[in-house]
Amino acid sequence: MPSPGDNIFVCISQYMKPLSEVDAHLPAHMEWLQEQDRAGRTIATGRQVSGTGGVNLMAARDRNEMLEILGTDPFQVHGCSSYWIFEFELNPDPAKGRLMDYFFSDAFSAGAP
């Protein structure tokens, strides 16, 4: 679960290498995503429908921390992708939206379905 004051980041990756090379690092990337989830940083992740990259919604204190986190992604470590990073602050309560209300809830942090 994110800490109070964390901002939300939309991290859009663009593949820099052929998909066959990207996919060779997919198991390590998926493990990296699970690590981020266990650390409470992940909101939602997925591959773009076009197959040209991915999208990660994540939480971090600031842009520098987000850059450090993304720098450990195996896709980035192996030069398979680069990121566009968009940071935003959440609207104040109660206007966060249902997804964010759940993300910041006790049920989410407890791992409830």
PDB file of N, CA and C in Angstrom:
ATOM      1  N   MET A   1       0.853  -1.177   0.000  1.00  0.00           N
ATOM      2  CA  MET A   1       0.000   0.000   0.000  1.00  0.00           C
ATOM      3  C   MET A   1       0.893   1.233   0.000  1.00  0.00           C
ATOM      4  N   PRO A   2       0.546   2.230  -0.816  1.00  0.00           N
ATOM      5  CA  PRO A   2       1.386   3.418  -0.867  1.00  0.00           C
ATOM      6  C   PRO A   2       1.342   4.192   0.441  1.00  0.00           C
ATOM      7  N   SER A   3       2.357   4.985   0.633  1.00  0.00           N
ATOM      8  CA  SER A   3       2.423   5.828   1.814  1.00  0.00           C
ATOM      9  C   SER A   3       1.645   7.112   1.576  1.00  0.00           C
ATOM     10  N   PRO A   4       1.131   7.732   2.633  1.00  0.00           N
ATOM     11  CA  PRO A   4       0.474   9.026   2.461  1.00  0.00           C
ATOM     12  C   PRO A   4       1.435  10.000   1.778  1.00  0.00           C
ATOM     13  N   GLY A   5       0.937  10.734   0.833  1.00  0.00           N
ATOM     14  CA  GLY A   5       1.773  11.690   0.121  1.00  0.00           C
ATOM     15  C   GLY A   5       2.402  11.144  -1.147  1.00  0.00           C
ATOM     16  N   ASP A   6       2.306   9.821  -1.365  1.00  0.00           N
ATOM     17  CA  ASP A   6       2.817   9.278  -2.623  1.00  0.00           C
ATOM     18  C   ASP A   6       2.024   9.850  -3.783  1.00  0.00           C
ATOM     19  N   ASN A   7       2.709  10.035  -4.890  1.00  0.00           N
ATOM     20  CA  ASN A   7       2.042  10.432  -6.111  1.00  0.00           C
ATOM     21  C   ASN A   7       1.874   9.207  -6.995  1.00  0.00           C
ATOM     22  N   ILE A   8       1.024   9.341  -7.978  1.00  0.00           N
ATOM     23  CA  ILE A   8       0.743   8.262  -8.907  1.00  0.00           C
ATOM     24  C   ILE A   8       1.476   8.558 -10.213  1.00  0.00           C
ATOM     25  N   PHE A   9       2.023   7.510 -10.798  1.00  0.00           N
ATOM     26  CA  PHE A   9       2.784   7.636 -12.043  1.00  0.00           C
ATOM     27  C   PHE A   9       2.178   6.730 -13.102  1.00  0.00           C
ATOM     28  N   VAL A  10       1.951   7.302 -14.264  1.00  0.00           N
ATOM     29  CA  VAL A  10       1.595   6.524 -15.435  1.00  0.00           C
ATOM     30  C   VAL A  10       2.898   6.353 -16.200  1.00  0.00           C
ATOM     31  N   CYS A  11       3.384   5.120 -16.259  1.00  0.00           N
ATOM     32  CA  CYS A  11       4.665   4.812 -16.895  1.00  0.00           C
ATOM     33  C   CYS A  11       4.378   4.017 -18.158  1.00  0.00           C
ATOM     34  N   ILE A  12       4.574   4.654 -19.290  1.00  0.00           N
ATOM     35  CA  ILE A  12       4.286   4.017 -20.573  1.00  0.00           C
ATOM     36  C   ILE A  12       5.609   3.619 -21.207  1.00  0.00           C
ATOM     37  N   SER A  13       5.775   2.316 -21.405  1.00  0.00           N
ATOM     38  CA  SER A  13       7.020   1.843 -22.002  1.00  0.00           C
ATOM     39  C   SER A  13       6.852   1.674 -23.503  1.00  0.00           C
ATOM     40  N   GLN A  14       7.938   1.889 -24.188  1.00  0.00           N
ATOM     41  CA  GLN A  14       8.001   1.670 -25.632  1.00  0.00           C
ATOM     42  C   GLN A  14       9.132   0.680 -25.872  1.00  0.00           C
ATOM     43  N   TYR A  15       8.801  -0.424 -26.540  1.00  0.00           N
ATOM     44  CA  TYR A  15       9.824  -1.421 -26.811  1.00  0.00           C
ATOM     45  C   TYR A  15      10.842  -0.868 -27.804  1.00  0.00           C
ATOM     46  N   MET A  16      12.108  -1.113 -27.490  1.00  0.00           N
ATOM     47  CA  MET A  16      13.213  -0.615 -28.303  1.00  0.00           C
ATOM     48  C   MET A  16      13.864  -1.734 -29.122  1.00  0.00           C
ATOM     49  N   LYS A  17      13.443  -2.959 -28.874  1.00  0.00           N
ATOM     50  CA  LYS A  17      14.008  -4.116 -29.556  1.00  0.00           C
ATOM     51  C   LYS A  17      12.870  -4.962 -30.106  1.00  0.00           C
ATOM     52  N   PRO A  18      13.173  -5.906 -31.004  1.00  0.00           N
ATOM     53  CA  PRO A  18      12.119  -6.781 -31.532  1.00  0.00           C
ATOM     54  C   PRO A  18      11.411  -7.544 -30.411  1.00  0.00           C
ATOM     55  N   LEU A  19      10.143  -7.834 -30.632  1.00  0.00           N
ATOM     56  CA  LEU A  19       9.323  -8.495 -29.623  1.00  0.00           C
ATOM     57  C   LEU A  19       9.937  -9.825 -29.173  1.00  0.00           C
ATOM     58  N   SER A  20      10.597 -10.537 -30.077  1.00  0.00           N
ATOM     59  CA  SER A  20      11.232 -11.807 -29.692  1.00  0.00           C
ATOM     60  C   SER A  20      12.302 -11.582 -28.629  1.00  0.00           C
ATOM     61  N   GLU A  21      13.033 -10.483 -28.730  1.00  0.00           N
ATOM     62  CA  GLU A  21      14.059 -10.170 -27.739  1.00  0.00           C
ATOM     63  C   GLU A  21      13.423  -9.683 -26.435  1.00  0.00           C
ATOM     64  N   VAL A  22      12.365  -8.894 -26.554  1.00  0.00           N
ATOM     65  CA  VAL A  22      11.635  -8.418 -25.375  1.00  0.00           C
ATOM     66  C   VAL A  22      11.084  -9.619 -24.607  1.00  0.00           C
ATOM     67  N   ASP A  23      10.441 -10.530 -25.334  1.00  0.00           N
ATOM     68  CA  ASP A  23       9.807 -11.681 -24.695  1.00  0.00           C
ATOM     69  C   ASP A  23      10.810 -12.592 -23.988  1.00  0.00           C
ATOM     70  N   ALA A  24      12.062 -12.576 -24.419  1.00  0.00           N
ATOM     71  CA  ALA A  24      13.090 -13.378 -23.741  1.00  0.00           C
ATOM     72  C   ALA A  24      13.278 -12.914 -22.294  1.00  0.00           C
ATOM     73  N   HIS A  25      12.964 -11.643 -22.032  1.00  0.00           N
ATOM     74  CA  HIS A  25      13.118 -11.083 -20.680  1.00  0.00           C
ATOM     75  C   HIS A  25      11.781 -10.994 -19.937  1.00  0.00           C
ATOM     76  N   LEU A  26      10.718 -11.509 -20.564  1.00  0.00           N
ATOM     77  CA  LEU A  26       9.386 -11.407 -19.958  1.00  0.00           C
ATOM     78  C   LEU A  26       9.285 -12.088 -18.589  1.00  0.00           C
ATOM     79  N   PRO A  27       9.818 -13.308 -18.395  1.00  0.00           N
ATOM     80  CA  PRO A  27       9.709 -13.906 -17.049  1.00  0.00           C
ATOM     81  C   PRO A  27      10.354 -13.042 -15.963  1.00  0.00           C
ATOM     82  N   ALA A  28      11.517 -12.479 -16.231  1.00  0.00           N
ATOM     83  CA  ALA A  28      12.178 -11.614 -15.241  1.00  0.00           C
ATOM     84  C   ALA A  28      11.376 -10.335 -15.021  1.00  0.00           C
ATOM     85  N   HIS A  29      10.796  -9.801 -16.092  1.00  0.00           N
ATOM     86  CA  HIS A  29       9.969  -8.597 -15.976  1.00  0.00           C
ATOM     87  C   HIS A  29       8.731  -8.885 -15.128  1.00  0.00           C
ATOM     88  N   MET A  30       8.110 -10.045 -15.335  1.00  0.00           N
ATOM     89  CA  MET A  30       6.920 -10.405 -14.558  1.00  0.00           C
ATOM     90  C   MET A  30       7.277 -10.565 -13.079  1.00  0.00           C
ATOM     91  N   GLU A  31       8.422 -11.130 -12.784  1.00  0.00           N
ATOM     92  CA  GLU A  31       8.877 -11.241 -11.391  1.00  0.00           C
ATOM     93  C   GLU A  31       9.110  -9.852 -10.802  1.00  0.00           C
ATOM     94  N   TRP A  32       9.688  -8.959 -11.606  1.00  0.00           N
ATOM     95  CA  TRP A  32       9.906  -7.581 -11.165  1.00  0.00           C
ATOM     96  C   TRP A  32       8.572  -6.914 -10.830  1.00  0.00           C
ATOM     97  N   LEU A  33       7.562  -7.128 -11.687  1.00  0.00           N
ATOM     98  CA  LEU A  33       6.237  -6.560 -11.412  1.00  0.00           C
ATOM     99  C   LEU A  33       5.664  -7.122 -10.108  1.00  0.00           C
ATOM    100  N   GLN A  34       5.863  -8.421  -9.868  1.00  0.00           N
ATOM    101  CA  GLN A  34       5.379  -9.010  -8.617  1.00  0.00           C
ATOM    102  C   GLN A  34       6.095  -8.395  -7.412  1.00  0.00           C
ATOM    103  N   GLU A  35       7.393  -8.129  -7.547  1.00  0.00           N
ATOM    104  CA  GLU A  35       8.138  -7.473  -6.465  1.00  0.00           C
ATOM    105  C   GLU A  35       7.570  -6.084  -6.191  1.00  0.00           C
ATOM    106  N   GLN A  36       7.247  -5.355  -7.259  1.00  0.00           N
ATOM    107  CA  GLN A  36       6.678  -4.014  -7.078  1.00  0.00           C
ATOM    108  C   GLN A  36       5.313  -4.096  -6.415  1.00  0.00           C
ATOM    109  N   ASP A  37       4.546  -5.119  -6.766  1.00  0.00           N
ATOM    110  CA  ASP A  37       3.238  -5.312  -6.157  1.00  0.00           C
ATOM    111  C   ASP A  37       3.378  -5.624  -4.670  1.00  0.00           C
ATOM    112  N   ARG A  38       4.313  -6.506  -4.330  1.00  0.00           N
ATOM    113  CA  ARG A  38       4.536  -6.845  -2.921  1.00  0.00           C
ATOM    114  C   ARG A  38       4.998  -5.619  -2.122  1.00  0.00           C
ATOM    115  N   ALA A  39       5.702  -4.708  -2.788  1.00  0.00           N
ATOM    116  CA  ALA A  39       6.169  -3.488  -2.117  1.00  0.00           C
ATOM    117  C   ALA A  39       5.077  -2.423  -2.036  1.00  0.00           C
ATOM    118  N   GLY A  40       3.898  -2.714  -2.602  1.00  0.00           N
ATOM    119  CA  GLY A  40       2.778  -1.776  -2.537  1.00  0.00           C
ATOM    120  C   GLY A  40       2.842  -0.658  -3.552  1.00  0.00           C
ATOM    121  N   ARG A  41       3.616  -0.832  -4.614  1.00  0.00           N
ATOM    122  CA  ARG A  41       3.772   0.238  -5.610  1.00  0.00           C
ATOM    123  C   ARG A  41       2.824   0.102  -6.802  1.00  0.00           C
ATOM    124  N   THR A  42       2.352  -1.101  -7.074  1.00  0.00           N
ATOM    125  CA  THR A  42       1.609  -1.370  -8.300  1.00  0.00           C
ATOM    126  C   THR A  42       0.125  -1.098  -8.128  1.00  0.00           C
ATOM    127  N   ILE A  43      -0.444  -0.379  -9.069  1.00  0.00           N
ATOM    128  CA  ILE A  43      -1.878  -0.160  -9.117  1.00  0.00           C
ATOM    129  C   ILE A  43      -2.472  -1.014 -10.228  1.00  0.00           C
ATOM    130  N   ALA A  44      -1.892  -0.939 -11.421  1.00  0.00           N
ATOM    131  CA  ALA A  44      -2.327  -1.741 -12.563  1.00  0.00           C
ATOM    132  C   ALA A  44      -1.187  -1.796 -13.569  1.00  0.00           C
ATOM    133  N   THR A  45      -1.076  -2.921 -14.269  1.00  0.00           N
ATOM    134  CA  THR A  45      -0.036  -3.085 -15.279  1.00  0.00           C
ATOM    135  C   THR A  45      -0.590  -3.869 -16.460  1.00  0.00           C
ATOM    136  N   GLY A  46       0.038  -3.719 -17.610  1.00  0.00           N
ATOM    137  CA  GLY A  46      -0.358  -4.521 -18.763  1.00  0.00           C
ATOM    138  C   GLY A  46       0.387  -4.121 -20.018  1.00  0.00           C
ATOM    139  N   ARG A  47       0.353  -5.013 -21.004  1.00  0.00           N
ATOM    140  CA  ARG A  47       0.969  -4.760 -22.300  1.00  0.00           C
ATOM    141  C   ARG A  47      -0.016  -3.969 -23.158  1.00  0.00           C
ATOM    142  N   GLN A  48       0.497  -3.022 -23.906  1.00  0.00           N
ATOM    143  CA  GLN A  48      -0.352  -2.273 -24.822  1.00  0.00           C
ATOM    144  C   GLN A  48      -0.932  -3.231 -25.858  1.00  0.00           C
ATOM    145  N   VAL A  49      -2.172  -3.014 -26.244  1.00  0.00           N
ATOM    146  CA  VAL A  49      -2.836  -3.870 -27.226  1.00  0.00           C
ATOM    147  C   VAL A  49      -2.046  -3.894 -28.533  1.00  0.00           C
ATOM    148  N   SER A  50      -1.393  -2.793 -28.860  1.00  0.00           N
ATOM    149  CA  SER A  50      -0.609  -2.718 -30.096  1.00  0.00           C
ATOM    150  C   SER A  50       0.633  -3.606 -30.052  1.00  0.00           C
ATOM    151  N   GLY A  51       1.037  -4.054 -28.841  1.00  0.00           N
ATOM    152  CA  GLY A  51       2.234  -4.872 -28.695  1.00  0.00           C
ATOM    153  C   GLY A  51       3.521  -4.086 -28.799  1.00  0.00           C
ATOM    154  N   THR A  52       3.440  -2.757 -28.676  1.00  0.00           N
ATOM    155  CA  THR A  52       4.626  -1.912 -28.834  1.00  0.00           C
ATOM    156  C   THR A  52       5.225  -1.458 -27.515  1.00  0.00           C
ATOM    157  N   GLY A  53       4.631  -1.919 -26.408  1.00  0.00           N
ATOM    158  CA  GLY A  53       5.114  -1.514 -25.097  1.00  0.00           C
ATOM    159  C   GLY A  53       4.126  -1.910 -24.026  1.00  0.00           C
ATOM    160  N   GLY A  54       4.235  -1.271 -22.874  1.00  0.00           N
ATOM    161  CA  GLY A  54       3.354  -1.578 -21.765  1.00  0.00           C
ATOM    162  C   GLY A  54       2.952  -0.322 -21.022  1.00  0.00           C
ATOM    163  N   VAL A  55       2.049  -0.490 -20.063  1.00  0.00           N
ATOM    164  CA  VAL A  55       1.589   0.614 -19.226  1.00  0.00           C
ATOM    165  C   VAL A  55       1.596   0.137 -17.781  1.00  0.00           C
ATOM    166  N   ASN A  56       2.230   0.900 -16.918  1.00  0.00           N
ATOM    167  CA  ASN A  56       2.258   0.607 -15.486  1.00  0.00           C
ATOM    168  C   ASN A  56       1.746   1.819 -14.736  1.00  0.00           C
ATOM    169  N   LEU A  57       0.719   1.633 -13.919  1.00  0.00           N
ATOM    170  CA  LEU A  57       0.275   2.653 -12.971  1.00  0.00           C
ATOM    171  C   LEU A  57       0.914   2.288 -11.650  1.00  0.00           C
ATOM    172  N   MET A  58       1.736   3.205 -11.114  1.00  0.00           N
ATOM    173  CA  MET A  58       2.499   2.900  -9.911  1.00  0.00           C
ATOM    174  C   MET A  58       2.515   4.092  -8.972  1.00  0.00           C
ATOM    175  N   ALA A  59       2.840   3.832  -7.707  1.00  0.00           N
ATOM    176  CA  ALA A  59       2.938   4.885  -6.700  1.00  0.00           C
ATOM    177  C   ALA A  59       4.379   4.991  -6.226  1.00  0.00           C
ATOM    178  N   ALA A  60       4.810   6.223  -5.976  1.00  0.00           N
ATOM    179  CA  ALA A  60       6.146   6.495  -5.434  1.00  0.00           C
ATOM    180  C   ALA A  60       6.131   7.884  -4.802  1.00  0.00           C
ATOM    181  N   ARG A  61       7.151   8.155  -3.978  1.00  0.00           N
ATOM    182  CA  ARG A  61       7.233   9.462  -3.307  1.00  0.00           C
ATOM    183  C   ARG A  61       7.376  10.599  -4.311  1.00  0.00           C
ATOM    184  N   ASP A  62       8.268  10.385  -5.297  1.00  0.00           N
ATOM    185  CA  ASP A  62       8.541  11.458  -6.255  1.00  0.00           C
ATOM    186  C   ASP A  62       9.127  10.850  -7.527  1.00  0.00           C
ATOM    187  N   ARG A  63       9.389  11.701  -8.492  1.00  0.00           N
ATOM    188  CA  ARG A  63       9.883  11.262  -9.793  1.00  0.00           C
ATOM    189  C   ARG A  63      11.232  10.541  -9.672  1.00  0.00           C
ATOM    190  N   ASN A  64      12.112  11.038  -8.812  1.00  0.00           N
ATOM    191  CA  ASN A  64      13.419  10.386  -8.656  1.00  0.00           C
ATOM    192  C   ASN A  64      13.269   8.953  -8.164  1.00  0.00           C
ATOM    193  N   GLU A  65      12.397   8.751  -7.178  1.00  0.00           N
ATOM    194  CA  GLU A  65      12.182   7.385  -6.703  1.00  0.00           C
ATOM    195  C   GLU A  65      11.599   6.517  -7.813  1.00  0.00           C
ATOM    196  N   MET A  66      10.667   7.068  -8.589  1.00  0.00           N
ATOM    197  CA  MET A  66      10.071   6.290  -9.679  1.00  0.00           C
ATOM    198  C   MET A  66      11.129   5.911 -10.705  1.00  0.00           C
ATOM    199  N   LEU A  67      12.020   6.849 -11.016  1.00  0.00           N
ATOM    200  CA  LEU A  67      13.101   6.550 -11.965  1.00  0.00           C
ATOM    201  C   LEU A  67      14.011   5.445 -11.436  1.00  0.00           C
ATOM    202  N   GLU A  68      14.307   5.471 -10.141  1.00  0.00           N
ATOM    203  CA  GLU A  68      15.126   4.413  -9.529  1.00  0.00           C
ATOM    204  C   GLU A  68      14.431   3.055  -9.648  1.00  0.00           C
ATOM    205  N   ILE A  69      13.146   3.033  -9.362  1.00  0.00           N
ATOM    206  CA  ILE A  69      12.379   1.787  -9.443  1.00  0.00           C
ATOM    207  C   ILE A  69      12.380   1.264 -10.875  1.00  0.00           C
ATOM    208  N   LEU A  70      12.056   2.127 -11.824  1.00  0.00           N
ATOM    209  CA  LEU A  70      12.009   1.700 -13.222  1.00  0.00           C
ATOM    210  C   LEU A  70      13.378   1.252 -13.726  1.00  0.00           C
ATOM    211  N   GLY A  71      14.428   1.816 -13.159  1.00  0.00           N
ATOM    212  CA  GLY A  71      15.783   1.439 -13.562  1.00  0.00           C
ATOM    213  C   GLY A  71      16.125   0.001 -13.219  1.00  0.00           C
ATOM    214  N   THR A  72      15.327  -0.634 -12.363  1.00  0.00           N
ATOM    215  CA  THR A  72      15.558  -2.037 -12.010  1.00  0.00           C
ATOM    216  C   THR A  72      14.711  -2.998 -12.842  1.00  0.00           C
ATOM    217  N   ASP A  73      13.844  -2.480 -13.690  1.00  0.00           N
ATOM    218  CA  ASP A  73      13.017  -3.317 -14.564  1.00  0.00           C
ATOM    219  C   ASP A  73      13.931  -4.036 -15.559  1.00  0.00           C
ATOM    220  N   PRO A  74      13.882  -5.370 -15.624  1.00  0.00           N
ATOM    221  CA  PRO A  74      14.730  -6.096 -16.570  1.00  0.00           C
ATOM    222  C   PRO A  74      14.586  -5.621 -18.018  1.00  0.00           C
ATOM    223  N   PHE A  75      13.402  -5.186 -18.410  1.00  0.00           N
ATOM    224  CA  PHE A  75      13.246  -4.658 -19.764  1.00  0.00           C
ATOM    225  C   PHE A  75      14.147  -3.445 -19.975  1.00  0.00           C
ATOM    226  N   GLN A  76      14.226  -2.589 -18.971  1.00  0.00           N
ATOM    227  CA  GLN A  76      15.067  -1.400 -19.090  1.00  0.00           C
ATOM    228  C   GLN A  76      16.540  -1.753 -18.906  1.00  0.00           C
ATOM    229  N   VAL A  77      16.838  -2.642 -17.975  1.00  0.00           N
ATOM    230  CA  VAL A  77      18.223  -3.060 -17.729  1.00  0.00           C
ATOM    231  C   VAL A  77      18.859  -3.616 -19.004  1.00  0.00           C
ATOM    232  N   HIS A  78      18.076  -4.362 -19.788  1.00  0.00           N
ATOM    233  CA  HIS A  78      18.589  -5.000 -21.003  1.00  0.00           C
ATOM    234  C   HIS A  78      18.326  -4.185 -22.272  1.00  0.00           C
ATOM    235  N   GLY A  79      17.920  -2.919 -22.095  1.00  0.00           N
ATOM    236  CA  GLY A  79      17.724  -2.030 -23.238  1.00  0.00           C
ATOM    237  C   GLY A  79      16.554  -2.389 -24.127  1.00  0.00           C
ATOM    238  N   CYS A  80      15.592  -3.125 -23.572  1.00  0.00           N
ATOM    239  CA  CYS A  80      14.431  -3.544 -24.364  1.00  0.00           C
ATOM    240  C   CYS A  80      13.336  -2.493 -24.420  1.00  0.00           C
ATOM    241  N   SER A  81      13.329  -1.567 -23.454  1.00  0.00           N
ATOM    242  CA  SER A  81      12.275  -0.552 -23.445  1.00  0.00           C
ATOM    243  C   SER A  81      12.778   0.738 -22.818  1.00  0.00           C
ATOM    244  N   SER A  82      12.071   1.791 -23.134  1.00  0.00           N
ATOM    245  CA  SER A  82      12.279   3.077 -22.470  1.00  0.00           C
ATOM    246  C   SER A  82      10.905   3.531 -21.978  1.00  0.00           C
ATOM    247  N   TYR A  83      10.887   4.466 -21.034  1.00  0.00           N
ATOM    248  CA  TYR A  83       9.639   4.879 -20.402  1.00  0.00           C
ATOM    249  C   TYR A  83       9.326   6.354 -20.637  1.00  0.00           C
ATOM    250  N   TRP A  84       8.054   6.630 -20.859  1.00  0.00           N
ATOM    251  CA  TRP A  84       7.477   7.964 -20.741  1.00  0.00           C
ATOM    252  C   TRP A  84       6.834   7.967 -19.360  1.00  0.00           C
ATOM    253  N   ILE A  85       7.104   8.972 -18.563  1.00  0.00           N
ATOM    254  CA  ILE A  85       6.607   9.001 -17.188  1.00  0.00           C
ATOM    255  C   ILE A  85       5.765  10.251 -16.967  1.00  0.00           C
ATOM    256  N   PHE A  86       4.539  10.029 -16.511  1.00  0.00           N
ATOM    257  CA  PHE A  86       3.623  11.120 -16.209  1.00  0.00           C
ATOM    258  C   PHE A  86       3.241  11.012 -14.738  1.00  0.00           C
ATOM    259  N   GLU A  87       3.527  12.041 -13.976  1.00  0.00           N
ATOM    260  CA  GLU A  87       3.237  12.061 -12.546  1.00  0.00           C
ATOM    261  C   GLU A  87       2.023  12.942 -12.290  1.00  0.00           C
ATOM    262  N   PHE A  88       1.163  12.478 -11.380  1.00  0.00           N
ATOM    263  CA  PHE A  88       0.058  13.347 -10.992  1.00  0.00           C
ATOM    264  C   PHE A  88      -0.308  13.129  -9.542  1.00  0.00           C
ATOM    265  N   GLU A  89      -0.912  14.144  -8.959  1.00  0.00           N
ATOM    266  CA  GLU A  89      -1.399  14.078  -7.593  1.00  0.00           C
ATOM    267  C   GLU A  89      -2.847  13.631  -7.626  1.00  0.00           C
ATOM    268  N   LEU A  90      -3.230  12.837  -6.646  1.00  0.00           N
ATOM    269  CA  LEU A  90      -4.613  12.403  -6.552  1.00  0.00           C
ATOM    270  C   LEU A  90      -5.508  13.564  -6.163  1.00  0.00           C
ATOM    271  N   ASN A  91      -6.739  13.528  -6.664  1.00  0.00           N
ATOM    272  CA  ASN A  91      -7.733  14.471  -6.190  1.00  0.00           C
ATOM    273  C   ASN A  91      -7.956  14.209  -4.706  1.00  0.00           C
ATOM    274  N   PRO A  92      -8.297  15.240  -3.937  1.00  0.00           N
ATOM    275  CA  PRO A  92      -8.546  15.030  -2.509  1.00  0.00           C
ATOM    276  C   PRO A  92      -9.799  14.178  -2.299  1.00  0.00           C
ATOM    277  N   ASP A  93      -9.867  13.553  -1.132  1.00  0.00           N
ATOM    278  CA  ASP A  93     -11.055  12.756  -0.781  1.00  0.00           C
ATOM    279  C   ASP A  93     -12.275  13.642  -0.859  1.00  0.00           C
ATOM    280  N   PRO A  94     -13.399  13.165  -1.238  1.00  0.00           N
ATOM    281  CA  PRO A  94     -13.682  11.787  -1.619  1.00  0.00           C
ATOM    282  C   PRO A  94     -13.632  11.578  -3.130  1.00  0.00           C
ATOM    283  N   ALA A  95     -13.027  12.477  -3.873  1.00  0.00           N
ATOM    284  CA  ALA A  95     -13.104  12.428  -5.337  1.00  0.00           C
ATOM    285  C   ALA A  95     -11.983  11.642  -6.008  1.00  0.00           C
ATOM    286  N   LYS A  96     -11.353  10.700  -5.307  1.00  0.00           N
ATOM    287  CA  LYS A  96     -10.261   9.926  -5.909  1.00  0.00           C
ATOM    288  C   LYS A  96     -10.757   8.989  -7.000  1.00  0.00           C
ATOM    289  N   GLY A  97     -11.937   8.464  -6.833  1.00  0.00           N
ATOM    290  CA  GLY A  97     -12.454   7.470  -7.768  1.00  0.00           C
ATOM    291  C   GLY A  97     -12.426   6.100  -7.121  1.00  0.00           C
ATOM    292  N   ARG A  98     -13.254   5.205  -7.637  1.00  0.00           N
ATOM    293  CA  ARG A  98     -13.421   3.897  -7.009  1.00  0.00           C
ATOM    294  C   ARG A  98     -12.146   3.060  -7.007  1.00  0.00           C
ATOM    295  N   LEU A  99     -11.390   3.081  -8.097  1.00  0.00           N
ATOM    296  CA  LEU A  99     -10.157   2.286  -8.139  1.00  0.00           C
ATOM    297  C   LEU A  99      -9.185   2.768  -7.075  1.00  0.00           C
ATOM    298  N   MET A 100      -9.016   4.069  -6.957  1.00  0.00           N
ATOM    299  CA  MET A 100      -8.070   4.597  -5.981  1.00  0.00           C
ATOM    300  C   MET A 100      -8.584   4.416  -4.555  1.00  0.00           C
ATOM    301  N   ASP A 101      -9.890   4.517  -4.358  1.00  0.00           N
ATOM    302  CA  ASP A 101     -10.432   4.247  -3.028  1.00  0.00           C
ATOM    303  C   ASP A 101     -10.086   2.824  -2.614  1.00  0.00           C
ATOM    304  N   TYR A 102     -10.225   1.882  -3.531  1.00  0.00           N
ATOM    305  CA  TYR A 102      -9.886   0.496  -3.222  1.00  0.00           C
ATOM    306  C   TYR A 102      -8.382   0.343  -3.001  1.00  0.00           C
ATOM    307  N   PHE A 103      -7.582   0.966  -3.847  1.00  0.00           N
ATOM    308  CA  PHE A 103      -6.128   0.853  -3.745  1.00  0.00           C
ATOM    309  C   PHE A 103      -5.629   1.336  -2.391  1.00  0.00           C
ATOM    310  N   PHE A 104      -6.250   2.344  -1.830  1.00  0.00           N
ATOM    311  CA  PHE A 104      -5.841   2.887  -0.541  1.00  0.00           C
ATOM    312  C   PHE A 104      -6.594   2.249   0.633  1.00  0.00           C
ATOM    313  N   SER A 105      -7.380   1.223   0.367  1.00  0.00           N
ATOM    314  CA  SER A 105      -8.192   0.621   1.423  1.00  0.00           C
ATOM    315  C   SER A 105      -7.437  -0.458   2.197  1.00  0.00           C
ATOM    316  N   ASP A 106      -7.966  -0.785   3.378  1.00  0.00           N
ATOM    317  CA  ASP A 106      -7.415  -1.873   4.180  1.00  0.00           C
ATOM    318  C   ASP A 106      -7.572  -3.207   3.455  1.00  0.00           C
ATOM    319  N   ALA A 107      -8.677  -3.383   2.721  1.00  0.00           N
ATOM    320  CA  ALA A 107      -8.898  -4.633   1.987  1.00  0.00           C
ATOM    321  C   ALA A 107      -7.808  -4.867   0.954  1.00  0.00           C
ATOM    322  N   PHE A 108      -7.403  -3.821   0.250  1.00  0.00           N
ATOM    323  CA  PHE A 108      -6.333  -3.965  -0.745  1.00  0.00           C
ATOM    324  C   PHE A 108      -5.024  -4.345  -0.073  1.00  0.00           C
ATOM    325  N   SER A 109      -4.674  -3.642   0.991  1.00  0.00           N
ATOM    326  CA  SER A 109      -3.401  -3.916   1.644  1.00  0.00           C
ATOM    327  C   SER A 109      -3.373  -5.297   2.293  1.00  0.00           C
ATOM    328  N   ALA A 110      -4.553  -5.857   2.603  1.00  0.00           N
ATOM    329  CA  ALA A 110      -4.629  -7.200   3.185  1.00  0.00           C
ATOM    330  C   ALA A 110      -4.605  -8.275   2.120  1.00  0.00           C
ATOM    331  N   GLY A 111      -4.667  -7.884   0.848  1.00  0.00           N
ATOM    332  CA  GLY A 111      -4.629  -8.858  -0.241  1.00  0.00           C
ATOM    333  C   GLY A 111      -5.976  -9.487  -0.526  1.00  0.00           C
ATOM    334  N   ALA A 112      -7.045  -8.834  -0.132  1.00  0.00           N
ATOM    335  CA  ALA A 112      -8.384  -9.374  -0.393  1.00  0.00           C
ATOM    336  C   ALA A 112      -8.697  -9.281  -1.880  1.00  0.00           C
ATOM    337  N   PRO A 113      -9.465 -10.234  -2.395  1.00  0.00           N
ATOM    338  CA  PRO A 113      -9.824 -10.201  -3.823  1.00  0.00           C
ATOM    339  C   PRO A 113     -10.732  -9.046  -4.166  1.00  0.00           C
TER     340      PRO A 113
END
